[in-house]
């Protein structure tokens, strides 16, 4: 007799547009899984019969519910569709800016130690925003080309970067920059069909009309950066033998997993290298609703997104404590990049508008350095102009 092992399981998924009807079985995507799984449960309906024999009448099955989670190592291009779904957003395509771009036509450039200045026009009108990662692809010195450059300040004329540049006095009349694709929060709700194929026993469980309930990012020293998606769905069916798998030849990304040690982190406008852990959660609190006349919820209902998180770091001064006391407005920018030649493939995550909700220190008398844990309190950024109107920005070099 063959028993199913916990390793020989393939998870694949595809966008589902019609509730109760599986999408076509081609062009699904495989989830590069660390651990997790979905389960269907049924609400028990217990009898209220008062029996004279002192026993209880068997209950019945009630409303169905699918729930669970999948986690994986963060890697470029692997989870883009699920990020869109969690954020109700749609990736805007890569943007190219050059000397002919509207808003910068005929402007020349000068490059400072951390700035790129246009002689006329507006980078904001051309489409850039604080938090964007850009790459110079032509016109600048070789030392400045094909690097991932993080914008931490922006006016019409001046881009301020977290990276150090080779100074170029200019005027540079011919140039080109690319801002790879990005997504912020939108209004497009999405559902997926997930399949867990159990290879040893030649069968599958197919879960339909599943929405992303929440998405969490975790970072620990000497560990992979990981992402976890909680899933809430409507129903499940079992397929066996020739019917399994339903999704044929799901595609896998081949990008390299990204680690916490290679991440670049900016809090406010300061590069930080003393964090010991970081977590962020984007929560939609998705759930079904039991109804009379059916054991299936009419839909899986997701809600306004909340963002929560915390960072823990080594304590070296009182600057973060003072930011908490004074309710300073800060931002958090995470850049994960593969270790390869430039331009390196990357994922960028920005929380543009936050304050510190709490500040707590590690106990006195412990070995090692004293640490400080800060809870984050993000909200929508309504400053306009150089700032995206959003709660979070996900940008990637993936096509």
Protein backbone atom coordinates (compact mmCIF):
# COMPACT_ATOMS: atom_id res chain seq x y z
CA UNK A 1 0.00 0.00 0.00
CA UNK A 2 1.26 3.47 -0.93
CA UNK A 3 0.91 6.35 1.53
CA UNK A 4 1.25 10.00 0.62
CA UNK A 5 4.43 11.71 1.86
CA UNK A 6 4.53 15.35 2.92
CA UNK A 7 7.17 16.18 0.30
CA UNK A 8 5.73 14.90 -2.97
CA UNK A 9 3.02 17.55 -3.24
CA UNK A 10 2.77 20.16 -6.00
CA UNK A 11 0.75 23.34 -5.52
CA UNK A 12 -0.42 25.25 -8.57
CA UNK A 13 -2.91 28.02 -9.14
CA UNK A 14 -4.61 30.15 -11.77
CA UNK A 15 -6.84 33.20 -11.82
CA UNK A 16 -10.53 32.23 -11.64
CA UNK A 17 -13.03 34.63 -13.17
CA UNK A 18 -16.32 32.68 -12.83
CA UNK A 19 -17.42 31.55 -9.39
CA UNK A 20 -18.11 27.81 -9.32
CA UNK A 21 -16.38 27.19 -12.66
CA UNK A 22 -12.74 26.15 -12.79
CA UNK A 23 -10.51 28.08 -15.19
CA UNK A 24 -8.99 26.24 -18.16
CA UNK A 25 -6.39 23.68 -17.18
CA UNK A 26 -3.47 25.28 -19.07
CA UNK A 27 -1.11 28.16 -18.23
CA UNK A 28 -1.28 27.71 -14.45
CA UNK A 29 1.60 28.79 -12.23
CA UNK A 30 3.34 26.62 -9.65
CA UNK A 31 3.79 27.90 -6.10
CA UNK A 32 7.42 27.49 -4.99
CA UNK A 33 6.45 26.19 -1.59
CA UNK A 34 8.21 26.00 1.76
CA UNK A 35 5.26 24.72 3.73
CA UNK A 36 1.54 25.11 4.25
CA UNK A 37 -1.67 23.73 2.83
CA UNK A 38 -5.40 24.32 2.45
CA UNK A 39 -8.25 22.41 4.07
CA UNK A 40 -12.00 22.39 3.66
CA UNK A 41 -13.99 22.37 6.88
CA UNK A 42 -17.72 22.13 7.53
CA UNK A 43 -19.56 23.79 10.37
CA UNK A 44 -21.19 21.09 12.52
CA UNK A 45 -24.96 21.33 13.06
CA UNK A 46 -25.92 19.70 16.33
CA UNK A 47 -29.37 18.38 17.08
CA UNK A 48 -31.31 19.97 19.95
CA UNK A 49 -33.49 16.89 20.46
CA UNK A 50 -34.17 16.10 24.12
CA UNK A 51 -34.01 12.29 24.25
CA UNK A 52 -35.50 10.26 27.10
CA UNK A 53 -32.73 7.64 26.75
CA UNK A 54 -30.06 10.17 27.77
CA UNK A 55 -28.20 9.99 24.44
CA UNK A 56 -27.63 12.45 21.59
CA UNK A 57 -28.84 12.43 18.00
CA UNK A 58 -26.10 12.58 15.38
CA UNK A 59 -25.38 16.05 14.00
CA UNK A 60 -25.24 17.15 10.37
CA UNK A 61 -22.82 19.01 8.12
CA UNK A 62 -23.30 22.76 7.66
CA UNK A 63 -21.55 25.57 5.79
CA UNK A 64 -18.29 24.85 3.96
CA UNK A 65 -15.14 26.92 4.34
CA UNK A 66 -11.68 26.68 2.80
CA UNK A 67 -8.74 28.13 4.71
CA UNK A 68 -5.00 27.72 5.07
CA UNK A 69 -1.76 29.28 4.00
CA UNK A 70 1.25 28.84 1.73
CA UNK A 71 4.73 30.21 2.46
CA UNK A 72 7.80 30.44 0.25
CA UNK A 73 11.18 32.11 -0.14
CA UNK A 74 10.92 35.55 -1.67
CA UNK A 75 12.21 35.58 -5.25
CA UNK A 76 11.88 37.86 -8.25
CA UNK A 77 8.71 37.38 -10.28
CA UNK A 78 7.47 34.38 -8.29
CA UNK A 79 4.52 35.88 -6.42
CA UNK A 80 3.58 38.93 -8.51
CA UNK A 81 -0.01 37.76 -9.25
CA UNK A 82 -0.66 37.04 -5.57
CA UNK A 83 0.72 40.44 -4.51
CA UNK A 84 -1.66 42.09 -7.00
CA UNK A 85 -4.55 40.12 -5.51
CA UNK A 86 -3.64 40.94 -1.90
CA UNK A 87 -3.38 44.63 -2.77
CA UNK A 88 -6.33 44.80 -5.25
CA UNK A 89 -3.76 46.41 -7.55
CA UNK A 90 -2.46 46.02 -11.09
CA UNK A 91 1.19 46.39 -12.06
CA UNK A 92 1.92 49.51 -14.04
CA UNK A 93 4.37 48.73 -16.86
CA UNK A 94 8.01 49.75 -16.84
CA UNK A 95 8.51 53.46 -17.51
CA UNK A 96 11.32 54.83 -19.72
CA UNK A 97 12.40 58.45 -19.29
CA UNK A 98 14.79 60.24 -21.65
CA UNK A 99 15.50 63.68 -23.06
CA UNK A 100 12.34 63.46 -25.20
CA UNK A 101 9.97 62.53 -22.38
CA UNK A 102 7.09 64.94 -21.78
CA UNK A 103 7.97 67.15 -18.84
CA UNK A 104 11.73 66.91 -19.44
CA UNK A 105 12.01 67.74 -23.13
CA UNK A 106 15.40 69.31 -23.93
CA UNK A 107 16.48 69.30 -20.27
CA UNK A 108 20.15 68.55 -19.54
CA UNK A 109 21.41 66.74 -16.46
CA UNK A 110 24.12 67.10 -13.84
CA UNK A 111 25.01 64.29 -11.43
CA UNK A 112 26.06 65.01 -7.85
CA UNK A 113 27.19 62.69 -5.08
CA UNK A 114 23.59 61.63 -4.36
CA UNK A 115 21.56 63.73 -6.80
CA UNK A 116 20.54 63.94 -10.42
CA UNK A 117 19.46 67.45 -11.40
CA UNK A 118 17.52 68.45 -14.52
CA UNK A 119 18.06 71.92 -15.93
CA UNK A 120 14.37 72.30 -16.75
CA UNK A 121 11.09 70.45 -16.56
CA UNK A 122 9.94 68.05 -13.86
CA UNK A 123 10.81 64.49 -12.88
CA UNK A 124 7.42 64.33 -11.17
CA UNK A 125 5.59 65.23 -14.38
CA UNK A 126 7.70 62.59 -16.17
CA UNK A 127 6.26 59.97 -13.81
CA UNK A 128 8.76 59.39 -10.98
CA UNK A 129 7.79 59.24 -7.30
CA UNK A 130 9.59 58.94 -3.95
CA UNK A 131 10.24 55.26 -3.28
CA UNK A 132 10.83 54.33 -6.92
CA UNK A 133 13.88 52.32 -7.94
CA UNK A 134 15.36 53.54 -11.23
CA UNK A 135 18.24 52.52 -13.48
CA UNK A 136 20.28 54.79 -15.71
CA UNK A 137 20.66 52.89 -18.99
CA UNK A 138 22.43 55.44 -21.19
CA UNK A 139 24.17 58.84 -21.09
CA UNK A 140 25.83 58.69 -17.68
CA UNK A 141 29.32 57.52 -16.76
CA UNK A 142 29.76 53.76 -16.74
CA UNK A 143 30.08 53.78 -12.94
CA UNK A 144 26.53 55.15 -12.67
CA UNK A 145 24.88 52.94 -15.31
CA UNK A 146 22.73 49.86 -14.70
CA UNK A 147 22.56 50.26 -10.93
CA UNK A 148 19.44 49.97 -8.78
CA UNK A 149 19.00 53.53 -7.48
CA UNK A 150 16.49 54.25 -4.70
CA UNK A 151 14.72 57.63 -4.76
CA UNK A 152 14.46 58.98 -1.19
CA UNK A 153 13.71 62.59 -2.12
CA UNK A 154 12.17 64.22 -5.18
CA UNK A 155 11.38 67.71 -6.44
CA UNK A 156 10.59 68.78 -9.96
CA UNK A 157 14.27 69.36 -10.75
CA UNK A 158 16.19 67.10 -8.33
CA UNK A 159 16.23 63.36 -7.65
CA UNK A 160 17.86 62.51 -4.31
CA UNK A 161 19.16 58.94 -4.04
CA UNK A 162 20.18 56.61 -1.23
CA UNK A 163 23.14 55.46 -3.35
CA UNK A 164 26.46 57.26 -3.85
CA UNK A 165 27.16 58.32 -7.44
CA UNK A 166 30.22 59.28 -9.42
CA UNK A 167 29.90 63.06 -9.82
CA UNK A 168 29.30 64.34 -13.38
CA UNK A 169 29.17 68.09 -13.88
CA UNK A 170 27.26 67.92 -17.15
CA UNK A 171 25.48 69.18 -19.07
CA UNK A 172 24.35 65.67 -20.11
CA UNK A 173 22.06 66.17 -23.09
CA UNK A 174 21.31 62.55 -24.01
CA UNK A 175 20.27 60.05 -21.34
CA UNK A 176 17.84 57.28 -20.52
CA UNK A 177 16.36 55.94 -17.27
CA UNK A 178 14.08 52.98 -16.65
CA UNK A 179 11.72 52.62 -13.71
CA UNK A 180 10.74 48.90 -13.65
CA UNK A 181 7.11 47.90 -13.11
CA UNK A 182 5.36 48.53 -9.80
CA UNK A 183 2.03 48.05 -8.07
CA UNK A 184 0.18 49.97 -5.38
CA UNK A 185 -3.30 49.52 -3.90
CA UNK A 186 -6.23 49.54 -6.30
CA UNK A 187 -9.85 48.39 -6.59
CA UNK A 188 -9.59 45.13 -8.55
CA UNK A 189 -10.58 42.06 -6.51
CA UNK A 190 -9.30 38.69 -7.72
CA UNK A 191 -9.94 35.03 -6.95
CA UNK A 192 -7.88 31.92 -7.77
CA UNK A 193 -8.31 28.21 -8.17
CA UNK A 194 -5.63 26.27 -6.23
CA UNK A 195 -4.70 22.63 -6.74
CA UNK A 196 -2.75 20.47 -4.30
CA UNK A 197 -1.54 17.49 -6.28
CA UNK A 198 -0.56 14.52 -4.09
CA UNK A 199 1.79 12.67 -6.40
CA UNK A 200 2.34 9.46 -4.42
CA UNK A 201 -1.36 8.55 -4.35
CA UNK A 202 -2.23 10.01 -7.78
CA UNK A 203 -4.88 12.48 -6.72
CA UNK A 204 -5.62 16.15 -6.18
CA UNK A 205 -7.69 18.47 -4.10
CA UNK A 206 -8.90 21.48 -6.10
CA UNK A 207 -9.98 24.55 -4.13
CA UNK A 208 -12.12 27.10 -5.93
CA UNK A 209 -12.84 30.81 -5.58
CA UNK A 210 -9.94 31.49 -3.21
CA UNK A 211 -9.00 35.02 -2.23
CA UNK A 212 -5.83 36.25 -0.52
CA UNK A 213 -6.77 36.94 3.09
CA UNK A 214 -3.40 38.35 4.09
CA UNK A 215 0.23 38.53 3.03
CA UNK A 216 3.14 38.60 5.48
CA UNK A 217 6.85 39.26 4.92
CA UNK A 218 9.44 38.03 7.44
CA UNK A 219 13.17 38.68 7.76
CA UNK A 220 15.61 37.09 10.22
CA UNK A 221 19.44 37.15 10.31
CA UNK A 222 21.09 34.43 8.19
CA UNK A 223 17.73 33.37 6.78
CA UNK A 224 15.80 33.68 3.58
CA UNK A 225 13.32 36.50 3.28
CA UNK A 226 9.98 34.68 3.31
CA UNK A 227 6.45 35.55 2.26
CA UNK A 228 3.30 33.89 3.58
CA UNK A 229 -0.13 34.08 1.97
CA UNK A 230 -3.23 33.16 3.94
CA UNK A 231 -6.00 31.84 1.69
CA UNK A 232 -9.78 31.78 2.16
CA UNK A 233 -11.90 29.86 -0.35
CA UNK A 234 -15.40 28.64 -1.10
CA UNK A 235 -15.33 24.92 -1.95
CA UNK A 236 -13.16 21.89 -2.76
CA UNK A 237 -13.38 18.78 -4.93
CA UNK A 238 -11.27 15.60 -5.15
CA UNK A 239 -9.80 14.41 -8.46
CA UNK A 240 -8.15 11.01 -8.88
CA UNK A 241 -6.39 8.92 -11.53
CA UNK A 242 -6.64 10.32 -15.04
CA UNK A 243 -8.41 13.45 -13.77
CA UNK A 244 -5.40 14.42 -11.66
CA UNK A 245 -3.65 16.76 -11.98
CA UNK A 246 -6.20 19.25 -13.28
CA UNK A 247 -3.61 21.90 -14.14
CA UNK A 248 -1.22 20.53 -16.78
CA UNK A 249 2.45 21.56 -16.73
CA UNK A 250 2.27 24.53 -14.35
CA UNK A 251 5.16 26.95 -14.90
CA UNK A 252 7.87 27.58 -12.32
CA UNK A 253 9.97 30.71 -11.99
CA UNK A 254 13.71 30.08 -11.77
CA UNK A 255 14.82 33.23 -9.93
CA UNK A 256 17.15 32.95 -6.95
CA UNK A 257 15.76 33.13 -3.42
CA UNK A 258 16.48 36.43 -1.68
CA UNK A 259 18.08 36.59 1.76
CA UNK A 260 17.72 38.99 4.66
CA UNK A 261 21.46 39.68 4.85
CA UNK A 262 21.58 41.12 1.33
CA UNK A 263 18.60 43.44 1.87
CA UNK A 264 19.17 47.19 1.91
CA UNK A 265 16.95 49.03 4.38
CA UNK A 266 16.21 52.74 4.67
CA UNK A 267 14.16 54.02 7.63
CA UNK A 268 13.22 57.63 7.02
CA UNK A 269 16.22 58.83 5.01
CA UNK A 270 18.82 56.81 6.93
CA UNK A 271 20.34 53.53 5.77
CA UNK A 272 20.19 51.04 8.64
CA UNK A 273 22.34 47.95 9.14
CA UNK A 274 21.54 47.12 12.77
CA UNK A 275 18.13 45.40 12.52
CA UNK A 276 17.81 41.89 13.93
CA UNK A 277 14.30 41.14 12.66
CA UNK A 278 11.53 42.69 10.59
CA UNK A 279 7.96 41.66 9.87
CA UNK A 280 5.17 43.24 7.80
CA UNK A 281 1.58 42.05 7.37
CA UNK A 282 -0.94 43.23 4.78
CA UNK A 283 -4.34 42.01 5.96
CA UNK A 284 -7.72 41.91 4.18
CA UNK A 285 -9.51 39.79 6.85
CA UNK A 286 -11.20 37.72 4.16
CA UNK A 287 -14.05 35.41 5.18
CA UNK A 288 -17.14 33.69 3.85
CA UNK A 289 -20.67 34.32 5.11
CA UNK A 290 -23.03 31.42 5.99
CA UNK A 291 -26.46 31.67 4.38
CA UNK A 292 -29.79 29.83 4.50
CA UNK A 293 -30.49 27.55 1.54
CA UNK A 294 -26.89 26.68 0.62
CA UNK A 295 -23.83 25.21 2.26
CA UNK A 296 -21.63 27.55 0.19
CA UNK A 297 -20.92 31.19 0.92
CA UNK A 298 -22.11 33.44 -1.93
CA UNK A 299 -18.59 34.94 -2.09
CA UNK A 300 -15.40 35.32 -0.11
CA UNK A 301 -15.54 38.85 1.24
CA UNK A 302 -12.28 40.77 1.67
CA UNK A 303 -12.07 44.18 3.29
CA UNK A 304 -10.04 47.38 3.55
CA UNK A 305 -6.36 46.58 3.82
CA UNK A 306 -4.55 47.18 7.08
CA UNK A 307 -0.76 47.22 7.29
CA UNK A 308 1.07 46.32 10.49
CA UNK A 309 4.66 45.50 11.26
CA UNK A 310 7.55 45.65 13.67
CA UNK A 311 11.30 46.04 13.54
CA UNK A 312 13.85 45.07 16.16
CA UNK A 313 17.34 46.55 16.13
CA UNK A 314 20.40 47.20 18.21
CA UNK A 315 20.09 50.24 20.46
CA UNK A 316 22.83 52.83 19.84
CA UNK A 317 21.15 56.15 20.71
CA UNK A 318 17.76 57.69 21.49
CA UNK A 319 16.84 58.77 17.96
CA UNK A 320 14.19 56.08 17.44
CA UNK A 321 12.76 56.66 20.90
CA UNK A 322 12.49 60.38 20.15
CA UNK A 323 10.78 59.61 16.83
CA UNK A 324 8.22 57.58 18.79
CA UNK A 325 7.69 60.31 21.39
CA UNK A 326 7.32 63.05 18.77
CA UNK A 327 5.13 60.96 16.40
CA UNK A 328 7.50 61.65 13.52
CA UNK A 329 6.43 60.79 9.99
CA UNK A 330 8.78 58.16 8.56
CA UNK A 331 9.02 55.75 5.64
CA UNK A 332 10.47 52.26 5.28
CA UNK A 333 12.19 51.09 2.09
CA UNK A 334 13.36 47.49 1.63
CA UNK A 335 15.42 46.53 -1.42
CA UNK A 336 16.17 42.85 -2.08
CA UNK A 337 18.58 42.19 -4.94
CA UNK A 338 20.15 39.05 -6.36
CA UNK A 339 23.93 38.88 -5.99
CA UNK A 340 25.00 39.11 -9.59
CA UNK A 341 26.44 41.57 -12.06
CA UNK A 342 24.66 44.86 -12.63
CA UNK A 343 21.85 45.39 -13.23
CA UNK A 344 20.88 42.93 -10.49
CA UNK A 345 17.32 41.63 -10.42
CA UNK A 346 15.39 43.06 -7.47
CA UNK A 347 12.22 43.42 -5.43
CA UNK A 348 11.52 46.69 -3.65
CA UNK A 349 8.91 47.18 -0.93
CA UNK A 350 8.14 50.66 0.38
CA UNK A 351 5.87 51.74 3.24
CA UNK A 352 5.85 55.47 2.43
CA UNK A 353 3.94 56.97 5.35
CA UNK A 354 4.16 55.65 8.91
CA UNK A 355 4.80 56.55 12.50
CA UNK A 356 5.99 54.41 15.39
CA UNK A 357 3.14 52.95 17.45
CA UNK A 358 5.29 51.68 20.33
CA UNK A 359 8.87 51.38 21.50
CA UNK A 360 10.10 48.72 23.92
CA UNK A 361 13.60 47.76 25.09
CA UNK A 362 15.03 44.36 25.91
CA UNK A 363 15.38 43.56 29.61
CA UNK A 364 18.32 44.82 31.65
CA UNK A 365 20.86 42.13 32.57
CA UNK A 366 20.69 39.98 29.44
CA UNK A 367 23.85 38.94 27.60
CA UNK A 368 24.78 40.77 24.43
CA UNK A 369 23.57 44.14 23.11
CA UNK A 370 20.39 45.82 24.21
CA UNK A 371 17.73 45.79 21.52
CA UNK A 372 14.71 47.95 20.81
CA UNK A 373 11.47 46.78 19.19
CA UNK A 374 9.36 49.31 17.31
CA UNK A 375 5.80 48.63 16.18
CA UNK A 376 4.90 50.39 12.94
CA UNK A 377 1.66 52.30 12.32
CA UNK A 378 1.28 52.90 8.56
CA UNK A 379 -1.53 54.69 6.78
CA UNK A 380 -2.38 56.07 3.37
CA UNK A 381 0.01 58.72 2.09
CA UNK A 382 -2.07 61.71 0.97
CA UNK A 383 0.75 64.21 0.49
CA UNK A 384 0.44 64.06 -3.31
CA UNK A 385 2.95 65.51 -5.73
CA UNK A 386 6.15 63.48 -5.41
CA UNK A 387 4.41 60.84 -3.27
CA UNK A 388 2.20 57.95 -4.38
CA UNK A 389 -1.29 57.96 -2.88
CA UNK A 390 -1.05 54.51 -1.30
CA UNK A 391 -0.09 52.49 1.77
CA UNK A 392 2.60 50.36 0.14
CA UNK A 393 4.59 50.07 -3.08
CA UNK A 394 5.87 46.78 -4.54
CA UNK A 395 8.33 47.14 -7.40
CA UNK A 396 10.23 44.45 -9.27
CA UNK A 397 12.57 44.04 -12.21
CA UNK A 398 10.59 40.95 -13.32
CA UNK A 399 9.10 41.23 -16.78
